[in-house]
């Protein structure tokens, strides 16, 4: 009964927060939408995320939950021994992370987790056609986000070459697709007329690319407007503030932790530009 009351209150609060009028300075206009979250709490409370203390593949899951206004807990391991203890517990289907405890389940496999959350929190379109568009957009974005994710694991002598490759692919293959999608669709969002998983994933990848080169969106005016617009959504704006559960890019210290936990090596960027390795 108490959980039901809490969920109802959360849904009402989220709906009210996201019915906002957005003002972008010289281009002021009213912009209304409602993000309908079907629930905010799992059956046993908040979702619990199991991962190492860094971005990796869990970061997109954090983004999706945060955008939906869902509070979550994290159980972060920092050593190989802690990771192996989680494996020995028998909850990891393929002995890999990410893993999310939610609705009485231990969900693994990143894309399965993301699709479940997107559907649960009404971020997966209104019909099967919209879901197909969302899937196409997020799968394309995954290719670019994987390159950026593995970039810190470049060999020192490869870093400049790998960075040039990422930026070339971002500006000639990926971003033109989303610039055209926004122009052709003529709406504030990539799919339909409300926020979806595709919008959240695109904003995440844009910010990742800007960490590689701040001016990467030069020449993409609609993506620049999209970034400003989606960043202003209250739940996302909150996630982008210091002190949130958003994780910083890998630095040298965290790279060493990743290498020790997952037995990774330098040079993984070139090995994994077109193939996916163990969940990370």
C-alpha atoms as a PDB file:
ATOM      1  CA  UNK A   1       0.000   0.000   0.000  1.00  0.00           C
ATOM      2  CA  UNK A   2       2.785   2.438   0.942  1.00  0.00           C
ATOM      3  CA  UNK A   3       4.721   1.585  -2.223  1.00  0.00           C
ATOM      4  CA  UNK A   4       1.602   2.193  -4.307  1.00  0.00           C
ATOM      5  CA  UNK A   5       1.102   5.638  -2.759  1.00  0.00           C
ATOM      6  CA  UNK A   6       4.769   6.493  -3.325  1.00  0.00           C
ATOM      7  CA  UNK A   7       4.600   5.403  -6.964  1.00  0.00           C
ATOM      8  CA  UNK A   8       1.449   7.474  -7.614  1.00  0.00           C
ATOM      9  CA  UNK A   9       2.995  10.546  -5.998  1.00  0.00           C
ATOM     10  CA  UNK A  10       6.173  10.101  -8.024  1.00  0.00           C
ATOM     11  CA  UNK A  11       4.265   9.779 -11.309  1.00  0.00           C
ATOM     12  CA  UNK A  12       2.307  12.966 -10.603  1.00  0.00           C
ATOM     13  CA  UNK A  13       5.459  14.858  -9.658  1.00  0.00           C
ATOM     14  CA  UNK A  14       7.354  13.689 -12.740  1.00  0.00           C
ATOM     15  CA  UNK A  15       4.466  14.633 -15.019  1.00  0.00           C
ATOM     16  CA  UNK A  16       4.237  18.128 -13.508  1.00  0.00           C
ATOM     17  CA  UNK A  17       7.991  18.713 -13.654  1.00  0.00           C
ATOM     18  CA  UNK A  18       8.146  17.834 -17.319  1.00  0.00           C
ATOM     19  CA  UNK A  19       5.222  20.032 -18.406  1.00  0.00           C
ATOM     20  CA  UNK A  20       7.400  23.103 -18.792  1.00  0.00           C
ATOM     21  CA  UNK A  21       7.621  26.124 -21.043  1.00  0.00           C
ATOM     22  CA  UNK A  22      11.146  26.322 -22.471  1.00  0.00           C
ATOM     23  CA  UNK A  23      12.809  29.650 -23.217  1.00  0.00           C
ATOM     24  CA  UNK A  24      15.983  29.608 -25.334  1.00  0.00           C
ATOM     25  CA  UNK A  25      16.863  33.327 -25.241  1.00  0.00           C
ATOM     26  CA  UNK A  26      16.502  34.820 -28.730  1.00  0.00           C
ATOM     27  CA  UNK A  27      14.305  31.921 -29.809  1.00  0.00           C
ATOM     28  CA  UNK A  28      11.557  31.799 -27.207  1.00  0.00           C
ATOM     29  CA  UNK A  29       8.690  29.401 -27.632  1.00  0.00           C
ATOM     30  CA  UNK A  30       6.363  27.227 -25.617  1.00  0.00           C
ATOM     31  CA  UNK A  31       7.260  23.573 -25.570  1.00  0.00           C
ATOM     32  CA  UNK A  32       5.020  21.086 -23.821  1.00  0.00           C
ATOM     33  CA  UNK A  33       5.186  17.393 -23.316  1.00  0.00           C
ATOM     34  CA  UNK A  34       4.531  14.796 -20.667  1.00  0.00           C
ATOM     35  CA  UNK A  35       6.782  11.939 -19.763  1.00  0.00           C
ATOM     36  CA  UNK A  36       4.475   9.224 -18.443  1.00  0.00           C
ATOM     37  CA  UNK A  37       6.394   6.987 -16.081  1.00  0.00           C
ATOM     38  CA  UNK A  38       4.390   3.876 -15.362  1.00  0.00           C
ATOM     39  CA  UNK A  39       6.294   3.237 -12.153  1.00  0.00           C
ATOM     40  CA  UNK A  40       9.217   4.731 -10.270  1.00  0.00           C
ATOM     41  CA  UNK A  41      10.022   1.960  -7.897  1.00  0.00           C
ATOM     42  CA  UNK A  42      10.829  -1.684  -8.445  1.00  0.00           C
ATOM     43  CA  UNK A  43       8.844  -4.330  -6.619  1.00  0.00           C
ATOM     44  CA  UNK A  44      11.388  -4.376  -3.809  1.00  0.00           C
ATOM     45  CA  UNK A  45      12.253  -0.671  -3.929  1.00  0.00           C
ATOM     46  CA  UNK A  46      14.685   1.251  -6.081  1.00  0.00           C
ATOM     47  CA  UNK A  47      16.482  -0.480  -8.958  1.00  0.00           C
ATOM     48  CA  UNK A  48      19.980  -1.548  -7.938  1.00  0.00           C
ATOM     49  CA  UNK A  49      22.823  -1.296 -10.432  1.00  0.00           C
ATOM     50  CA  UNK A  50      25.846  -3.606 -10.153  1.00  0.00           C
ATOM     51  CA  UNK A  51      28.977  -2.396 -11.925  1.00  0.00           C
ATOM     52  CA  UNK A  52      32.431  -0.938 -11.447  1.00  0.00           C
ATOM     53  CA  UNK A  53      32.797   2.694 -10.432  1.00  0.00           C
ATOM     54  CA  UNK A  54      32.855   4.149 -13.928  1.00  0.00           C
ATOM     55  CA  UNK A  55      30.872   4.718 -17.093  1.00  0.00           C
ATOM     56  CA  UNK A  56      31.294   1.721 -19.366  1.00  0.00           C
ATOM     57  CA  UNK A  57      28.095   0.129 -20.624  1.00  0.00           C
ATOM     58  CA  UNK A  58      26.200   0.991 -17.447  1.00  0.00           C
ATOM     59  CA  UNK A  59      26.252   4.713 -18.191  1.00  0.00           C
ATOM     60  CA  UNK A  60      23.467   4.529 -20.791  1.00  0.00           C
ATOM     61  CA  UNK A  61      21.370   2.683 -18.201  1.00  0.00           C
ATOM     62  CA  UNK A  62      22.001   5.457 -15.681  1.00  0.00           C
ATOM     63  CA  UNK A  63      20.990   8.022 -18.302  1.00  0.00           C
ATOM     64  CA  UNK A  64      17.723   6.234 -19.081  1.00  0.00           C
ATOM     65  CA  UNK A  65      16.717   5.870 -15.437  1.00  0.00           C
ATOM     66  CA  UNK A  66      17.671   9.453 -14.639  1.00  0.00           C
ATOM     67  CA  UNK A  67      15.737  10.833 -17.615  1.00  0.00           C
ATOM     68  CA  UNK A  68      12.680   8.854 -16.505  1.00  0.00           C
ATOM     69  CA  UNK A  69      12.969  10.413 -13.045  1.00  0.00           C
ATOM     70  CA  UNK A  70      13.682   7.060 -11.398  1.00  0.00           C
ATOM     71  CA  UNK A  71      15.913   6.987  -8.348  1.00  0.00           C
ATOM     72  CA  UNK A  72      18.332   4.073  -8.242  1.00  0.00           C
ATOM     73  CA  UNK A  73      20.989   2.570  -6.022  1.00  0.00           C
ATOM     74  CA  UNK A  74      24.434   1.397  -7.062  1.00  0.00           C
ATOM     75  CA  UNK A  75      26.585  -1.393  -5.729  1.00  0.00           C
ATOM     76  CA  UNK A  76      30.001  -0.650  -7.191  1.00  0.00           C
ATOM     77  CA  UNK A  77      32.953  -3.007  -7.056  1.00  0.00           C
ATOM     78  CA  UNK A  78      36.515  -1.722  -7.225  1.00  0.00           C
ATOM     79  CA  UNK A  79      38.604  -4.911  -7.286  1.00  0.00           C
ATOM     80  CA  UNK A  80      38.778  -8.166  -9.223  1.00  0.00           C
ATOM     81  CA  UNK A  81      37.991 -10.030  -6.022  1.00  0.00           C
ATOM     82  CA  UNK A  82      34.738  -8.109  -5.518  1.00  0.00           C
ATOM     83  CA  UNK A  83      33.745  -8.815  -9.118  1.00  0.00           C
ATOM     84  CA  UNK A  84      34.496 -12.513  -8.736  1.00  0.00           C
ATOM     85  CA  UNK A  85      32.414 -12.604  -5.550  1.00  0.00           C
ATOM     86  CA  UNK A  86      29.475 -11.244  -7.558  1.00  0.00           C
ATOM     87  CA  UNK A  87      30.047 -13.936 -10.198  1.00  0.00           C
ATOM     88  CA  UNK A  88      30.172 -16.653  -7.561  1.00  0.00           C
ATOM     89  CA  UNK A  89      26.849 -15.427  -6.197  1.00  0.00           C
ATOM     90  CA  UNK A  90      25.187 -16.938  -9.253  1.00  0.00           C
ATOM     91  CA  UNK A  91      23.160 -13.870 -10.288  1.00  0.00           C
ATOM     92  CA  UNK A  92      25.117 -13.067 -13.472  1.00  0.00           C
ATOM     93  CA  UNK A  93      23.715 -15.183 -16.298  1.00  0.00           C
ATOM     94  CA  UNK A  94      26.857 -14.917 -18.436  1.00  0.00           C
ATOM     95  CA  UNK A  95      29.251 -13.939 -15.643  1.00  0.00           C
ATOM     96  CA  UNK A  96      29.249 -10.408 -17.064  1.00  0.00           C
ATOM     97  CA  UNK A  97      28.046  -6.984 -16.018  1.00  0.00           C
ATOM     98  CA  UNK A  98      26.084  -4.682 -16.195  1.00  0.00           C
ATOM     99  CA  UNK A  99      23.451  -6.228 -13.988  1.00  0.00           C
ATOM    100  CA  UNK A 100      20.326  -4.479 -12.726  1.00  0.00           C
ATOM    101  CA  UNK A 101      18.074  -5.727  -9.954  1.00  0.00           C
ATOM    102  CA  UNK A 102      14.528  -4.598 -10.758  1.00  0.00           C
ATOM    103  CA  UNK A 103      11.001  -5.977 -10.467  1.00  0.00           C
ATOM    104  CA  UNK A 104      12.262  -9.132  -8.788  1.00  0.00           C
ATOM    105  CA  UNK A 105      14.672  -9.899 -11.636  1.00  0.00           C
ATOM    106  CA  UNK A 106      18.421  -9.786 -12.140  1.00  0.00           C
ATOM    107  CA  UNK A 107      18.651  -8.301 -15.622  1.00  0.00           C
ATOM    108  CA  UNK A 108      21.843  -8.705 -17.661  1.00  0.00           C
ATOM    109  CA  UNK A 109      22.877  -7.843 -21.230  1.00  0.00           C
ATOM    110  CA  UNK A 110      22.975  -4.096 -21.796  1.00  0.00           C
ATOM    111  CA  UNK A 111      20.533  -3.869 -24.702  1.00  0.00           C
ATOM    112  CA  UNK A 112      18.020  -6.140 -22.958  1.00  0.00           C
ATOM    113  CA  UNK A 113      18.191  -3.924 -19.861  1.00  0.00           C
ATOM    114  CA  UNK A 114      17.792  -0.730 -21.878  1.00  0.00           C
ATOM    115  CA  UNK A 115      14.813  -2.048 -23.832  1.00  0.00           C
ATOM    116  CA  UNK A 116      13.106  -3.226 -20.660  1.00  0.00           C
ATOM    117  CA  UNK A 117      13.587   0.153 -18.984  1.00  0.00           C
ATOM    118  CA  UNK A 118      12.530   2.078 -22.080  1.00  0.00           C
ATOM    119  CA  UNK A 119       9.320   0.050 -22.304  1.00  0.00           C
ATOM    120  CA  UNK A 120       8.651   0.196 -18.563  1.00  0.00           C
ATOM    121  CA  UNK A 121       8.992   3.974 -18.378  1.00  0.00           C
ATOM    122  CA  UNK A 122       7.204   4.793 -21.654  1.00  0.00           C
ATOM    123  CA  UNK A 123      10.347   5.805 -23.536  1.00  0.00           C
ATOM    124  CA  UNK A 124       9.954   3.215 -26.295  1.00  0.00           C
ATOM    125  CA  UNK A 125       7.421   4.763 -28.649  1.00  0.00           C
ATOM    126  CA  UNK A 126       3.646   4.496 -28.964  1.00  0.00           C
ATOM    127  CA  UNK A 127       3.555   1.636 -31.480  1.00  0.00           C
ATOM    128  CA  UNK A 128       5.694  -0.965 -33.210  1.00  0.00           C
ATOM    129  CA  UNK A 129       6.660   1.420 -36.009  1.00  0.00           C
ATOM    130  CA  UNK A 130       8.016   3.995 -33.571  1.00  0.00           C
ATOM    131  CA  UNK A 131       9.865   1.234 -31.731  1.00  0.00           C
ATOM    132  CA  UNK A 132      11.539   0.227 -34.997  1.00  0.00           C
ATOM    133  CA  UNK A 133      12.741   3.812 -35.566  1.00  0.00           C
ATOM    134  CA  UNK A 134      13.993   4.039 -31.988  1.00  0.00           C
ATOM    135  CA  UNK A 135      15.878   0.752 -32.392  1.00  0.00           C
ATOM    136  CA  UNK A 136      17.532   1.939 -35.611  1.00  0.00           C
ATOM    137  CA  UNK A 137      18.638   5.196 -34.062  1.00  0.00           C
ATOM    138  CA  UNK A 138      20.004   3.703 -30.836  1.00  0.00           C
ATOM    139  CA  UNK A 139      21.830   0.862 -32.608  1.00  0.00           C
ATOM    140  CA  UNK A 140      23.612   3.363 -34.820  1.00  0.00           C
ATOM    141  CA  UNK A 141      24.520   5.466 -31.817  1.00  0.00           C
ATOM    142  CA  UNK A 142      25.921   2.390 -30.093  1.00  0.00           C
ATOM    143  CA  UNK A 143      28.537   2.055 -32.837  1.00  0.00           C
ATOM    144  CA  UNK A 144      29.791   5.587 -32.171  1.00  0.00           C
ATOM    145  CA  UNK A 145      29.545   5.370 -28.378  1.00  0.00           C
ATOM    146  CA  UNK A 146      31.560   2.126 -28.390  1.00  0.00           C
ATOM    147  CA  UNK A 147      34.392   3.823 -30.261  1.00  0.00           C
ATOM    148  CA  UNK A 148      34.445   6.694 -27.778  1.00  0.00           C
ATOM    149  CA  UNK A 149      34.158   4.300 -24.833  1.00  0.00           C
ATOM    150  CA  UNK A 150      37.196   2.282 -25.924  1.00  0.00           C
ATOM    151  CA  UNK A 151      39.227   5.344 -26.896  1.00  0.00           C
ATOM    152  CA  UNK A 152      40.901   5.747 -23.457  1.00  0.00           C
ATOM    153  CA  UNK A 153      42.263   2.202 -23.875  1.00  0.00           C
ATOM    154  CA  UNK A 154      44.243   3.247 -26.961  1.00  0.00           C
ATOM    155  CA  UNK A 155      47.970   2.659 -27.024  1.00  0.00           C
ATOM    156  CA  UNK A 156      49.835   5.959 -26.526  1.00  0.00           C
ATOM    157  CA  UNK A 157      51.135   5.874 -30.097  1.00  0.00           C
ATOM    158  CA  UNK A 158      47.634   5.271 -31.467  1.00  0.00           C
ATOM    159  CA  UNK A 159      45.698   7.936 -29.567  1.00  0.00           C
ATOM    160  CA  UNK A 160      45.944  10.745 -32.118  1.00  0.00           C
ATOM    161  CA  UNK A 161      45.048   8.427 -34.986  1.00  0.00           C
ATOM    162  CA  UNK A 162      42.120   6.925 -33.069  1.00  0.00           C
ATOM    163  CA  UNK A 163      40.790  10.358 -32.100  1.00  0.00           C
ATOM    164  CA  UNK A 164      40.906  11.481 -35.727  1.00  0.00           C
ATOM    165  CA  UNK A 165      39.030   8.331 -36.724  1.00  0.00           C
ATOM    166  CA  UNK A 166      36.298   8.908 -34.100  1.00  0.00           C
ATOM    167  CA  UNK A 167      35.786  12.530 -35.114  1.00  0.00           C
ATOM    168  CA  UNK A 168      35.765  11.677 -38.806  1.00  0.00           C
ATOM    169  CA  UNK A 169      33.127   8.988 -38.311  1.00  0.00           C
ATOM    170  CA  UNK A 170      31.071  11.201 -36.004  1.00  0.00           C
ATOM    171  CA  UNK A 171      30.967  14.144 -38.408  1.00  0.00           C
ATOM    172  CA  UNK A 172      30.691  12.308 -41.738  1.00  0.00           C
ATOM    173  CA  UNK A 173      28.649   9.196 -40.937  1.00  0.00           C
ATOM    174  CA  UNK A 174      26.678   9.511 -37.708  1.00  0.00           C
ATOM    175  CA  UNK A 175      25.789  13.134 -36.953  1.00  0.00           C
ATOM    176  CA  UNK A 176      24.582  13.830 -40.525  1.00  0.00           C
ATOM    177  CA  UNK A 177      22.019  11.035 -40.052  1.00  0.00           C
ATOM    178  CA  UNK A 178      20.565  12.636 -36.919  1.00  0.00           C
ATOM    179  CA  UNK A 179      20.714  16.163 -38.330  1.00  0.00           C
ATOM    180  CA  UNK A 180      18.672  14.941 -41.315  1.00  0.00           C
ATOM    181  CA  UNK A 181      16.309  12.984 -39.055  1.00  0.00           C
ATOM    182  CA  UNK A 182      15.481  16.099 -37.054  1.00  0.00           C
ATOM    183  CA  UNK A 183      15.048  18.178 -40.207  1.00  0.00           C
ATOM    184  CA  UNK A 184      12.820  15.612 -41.937  1.00  0.00           C
ATOM    185  CA  UNK A 185      10.747  14.818 -38.852  1.00  0.00           C
ATOM    186  CA  UNK A 186      10.176  18.479 -38.022  1.00  0.00           C
ATOM    187  CA  UNK A 187       9.530  17.746 -34.346  1.00  0.00           C
ATOM    188  CA  UNK A 188      11.416  18.393 -31.119  1.00  0.00           C
ATOM    189  CA  UNK A 189      12.237  14.690 -30.826  1.00  0.00           C
ATOM    190  CA  UNK A 190      13.689  12.035 -33.098  1.00  0.00           C
ATOM    191  CA  UNK A 191      10.601   9.804 -33.013  1.00  0.00           C
ATOM    192  CA  UNK A 192       6.968  10.813 -32.594  1.00  0.00           C
ATOM    193  CA  UNK A 193       6.186  13.872 -30.510  1.00  0.00           C
ATOM    194  CA  UNK A 194       7.562  12.885 -27.119  1.00  0.00           C
ATOM    195  CA  UNK A 195      10.834  11.996 -25.438  1.00  0.00           C
ATOM    196  CA  UNK A 196      12.175   8.524 -26.178  1.00  0.00           C
ATOM    197  CA  UNK A 197      15.188   6.335 -25.529  1.00  0.00           C
ATOM    198  CA  UNK A 198      16.614   7.534 -28.870  1.00  0.00           C
ATOM    199  CA  UNK A 199      16.686  11.178 -27.728  1.00  0.00           C
ATOM    200  CA  UNK A 200      18.355  10.285 -24.451  1.00  0.00           C
ATOM    201  CA  UNK A 201      20.976   8.127 -26.181  1.00  0.00           C
ATOM    202  CA  UNK A 202      21.684  10.836 -28.762  1.00  0.00           C
ATOM    203  CA  UNK A 203      22.264  13.488 -26.102  1.00  0.00           C
ATOM    204  CA  UNK A 204      24.568  11.151 -24.186  1.00  0.00           C
ATOM    205  CA  UNK A 205      26.668  10.446 -27.295  1.00  0.00           C
ATOM    206  CA  UNK A 206      26.778  14.117 -28.299  1.00  0.00           C
ATOM    207  CA  UNK A 207      28.232  15.001 -24.893  1.00  0.00           C
ATOM    208  CA  UNK A 208      30.729  12.128 -25.160  1.00  0.00           C
ATOM    209  CA  UNK A 209      31.845  13.403 -28.572  1.00  0.00           C
ATOM    210  CA  UNK A 210      32.186  16.940 -27.219  1.00  0.00           C
ATOM    211  CA  UNK A 211      34.557  15.607 -24.574  1.00  0.00           C
ATOM    212  CA  UNK A 212      36.753  14.534 -27.493  1.00  0.00           C
ATOM    213  CA  UNK A 213      36.339  17.834 -29.323  1.00  0.00           C
ATOM    214  CA  UNK A 214      34.159  20.653 -27.918  1.00  0.00           C
ATOM    215  CA  UNK A 215      33.366  22.064 -31.375  1.00  0.00           C
ATOM    216  CA  UNK A 216      32.300  18.724 -32.877  1.00  0.00           C
ATOM    217  CA  UNK A 217      28.740  19.991 -33.540  1.00  0.00           C
ATOM    218  CA  UNK A 218      29.933  22.847 -35.731  1.00  0.00           C
ATOM    219  CA  UNK A 219      27.963  22.541 -38.940  1.00  0.00           C
ATOM    220  CA  UNK A 220      25.047  20.743 -37.270  1.00  0.00           C
ATOM    221  CA  UNK A 221      22.663  23.525 -36.167  1.00  0.00           C
ATOM    222  CA  UNK A 222      19.681  21.256 -35.503  1.00  0.00           C
ATOM    223  CA  UNK A 223      21.778  18.990 -33.293  1.00  0.00           C
ATOM    224  CA  UNK A 224      22.974  22.056 -31.390  1.00  0.00           C
ATOM    225  CA  UNK A 225      19.355  23.089 -30.789  1.00  0.00           C
ATOM    226  CA  UNK A 226      18.456  19.503 -29.889  1.00  0.00           C
ATOM    227  CA  UNK A 227      21.257  19.358 -27.328  1.00  0.00           C
ATOM    228  CA  UNK A 228      20.104  22.578 -25.653  1.00  0.00           C
ATOM    229  CA  UNK A 229      16.450  21.535 -25.716  1.00  0.00           C
ATOM    230  CA  UNK A 230      16.845  18.021 -24.327  1.00  0.00           C
ATOM    231  CA  UNK A 231      19.426  19.128 -21.744  1.00  0.00           C
ATOM    232  CA  UNK A 232      16.810  21.514 -20.358  1.00  0.00           C
ATOM    233  CA  UNK A 233      14.337  18.761 -19.463  1.00  0.00           C
ATOM    234  CA  UNK A 234      14.253  18.896 -15.631  1.00  0.00           C
ATOM    235  CA  UNK A 235      15.196  15.263 -14.954  1.00  0.00           C
ATOM    236  CA  UNK A 236      18.058  15.394 -17.446  1.00  0.00           C
ATOM    237  CA  UNK A 237      19.174  18.807 -16.263  1.00  0.00           C
ATOM    238  CA  UNK A 238      19.388  17.375 -12.759  1.00  0.00           C
ATOM    239  CA  UNK A 239      21.477  14.406 -13.976  1.00  0.00           C
ATOM    240  CA  UNK A 240      23.915  16.786 -15.674  1.00  0.00           C
ATOM    241  CA  UNK A 241      24.576  18.698 -12.448  1.00  0.00           C
ATOM    242  CA  UNK A 242      27.703  18.034 -10.330  1.00  0.00           C
ATOM    243  CA  UNK A 243      27.071  15.502  -7.591  1.00  0.00           C
ATOM    244  CA  UNK A 244      24.685  13.337  -9.609  1.00  0.00           C
ATOM    245  CA  UNK A 245      25.242   9.634 -10.310  1.00  0.00           C
ATOM    246  CA  UNK A 246      26.614  10.442 -13.745  1.00  0.00           C
ATOM    247  CA  UNK A 247      30.176   9.167 -14.008  1.00  0.00           C
ATOM    248  CA  UNK A 248      33.192  11.104 -15.376  1.00  0.00           C
ATOM    249  CA  UNK A 249      35.326   9.940 -18.320  1.00  0.00           C
ATOM    250  CA  UNK A 250      38.012   7.367 -17.593  1.00  0.00           C
ATOM    251  CA  UNK A 251      41.245   8.857 -16.284  1.00  0.00           C
ATOM    252  CA  UNK A 252      44.549   7.046 -15.844  1.00  0.00           C
ATOM    253  CA  UNK A 253      43.657   5.841 -12.355  1.00  0.00           C
ATOM    254  CA  UNK A 254      40.284   4.435 -13.393  1.00  0.00           C
ATOM    255  CA  UNK A 255      41.843   2.869 -16.506  1.00  0.00           C
ATOM    256  CA  UNK A 256      44.160   0.885 -14.244  1.00  0.00           C
ATOM    257  CA  UNK A 257      41.176  -0.254 -12.164  1.00  0.00           C
ATOM    258  CA  UNK A 258      39.319  -1.383 -15.300  1.00  0.00           C
ATOM    259  CA  UNK A 259      42.365  -3.275 -16.539  1.00  0.00           C
ATOM    260  CA  UNK A 260      42.742  -5.059 -13.211  1.00  0.00           C
ATOM    261  CA  UNK A 261      39.057  -5.918 -12.797  1.00  0.00           C
ATOM    262  CA  UNK A 262      38.312  -7.090 -16.346  1.00  0.00           C
ATOM    263  CA  UNK A 263      41.826  -8.116 -17.426  1.00  0.00           C
ATOM    264  CA  UNK A 264      41.741  -5.563 -20.245  1.00  0.00           C
ATOM    265  CA  UNK A 265      44.803  -4.397 -22.113  1.00  0.00           C
ATOM    266  CA  UNK A 266      45.819  -1.249 -23.886  1.00  0.00           C
ATOM    267  CA  UNK A 267      45.257  -1.271 -27.622  1.00  0.00           C
ATOM    268  CA  UNK A 268      41.643  -2.443 -27.375  1.00  0.00           C
ATOM    269  CA  UNK A 269      40.324   0.447 -29.467  1.00  0.00           C
ATOM    270  CA  UNK A 270      41.629  -0.842 -32.784  1.00  0.00           C
ATOM    271  CA  UNK A 271      40.705  -4.425 -31.917  1.00  0.00           C
ATOM    272  CA  UNK A 272      37.093  -3.492 -31.236  1.00  0.00           C
ATOM    273  CA  UNK A 273      36.125  -0.794 -33.706  1.00  0.00           C
ATOM    274  CA  UNK A 274      33.770  -3.155 -35.528  1.00  0.00           C
ATOM    275  CA  UNK A 275      33.217  -5.994 -33.084  1.00  0.00           C
ATOM    276  CA  UNK A 276      31.814  -6.198 -29.589  1.00  0.00           C
ATOM    277  CA  UNK A 277      33.776  -7.898 -26.851  1.00  0.00           C
ATOM    278  CA  UNK A 278      32.835  -8.901 -23.304  1.00  0.00           C
ATOM    279  CA  UNK A 279      30.296  -6.700 -21.571  1.00  0.00           C
ATOM    280  CA  UNK A 280      32.072  -3.722 -20.036  1.00  0.00           C
END
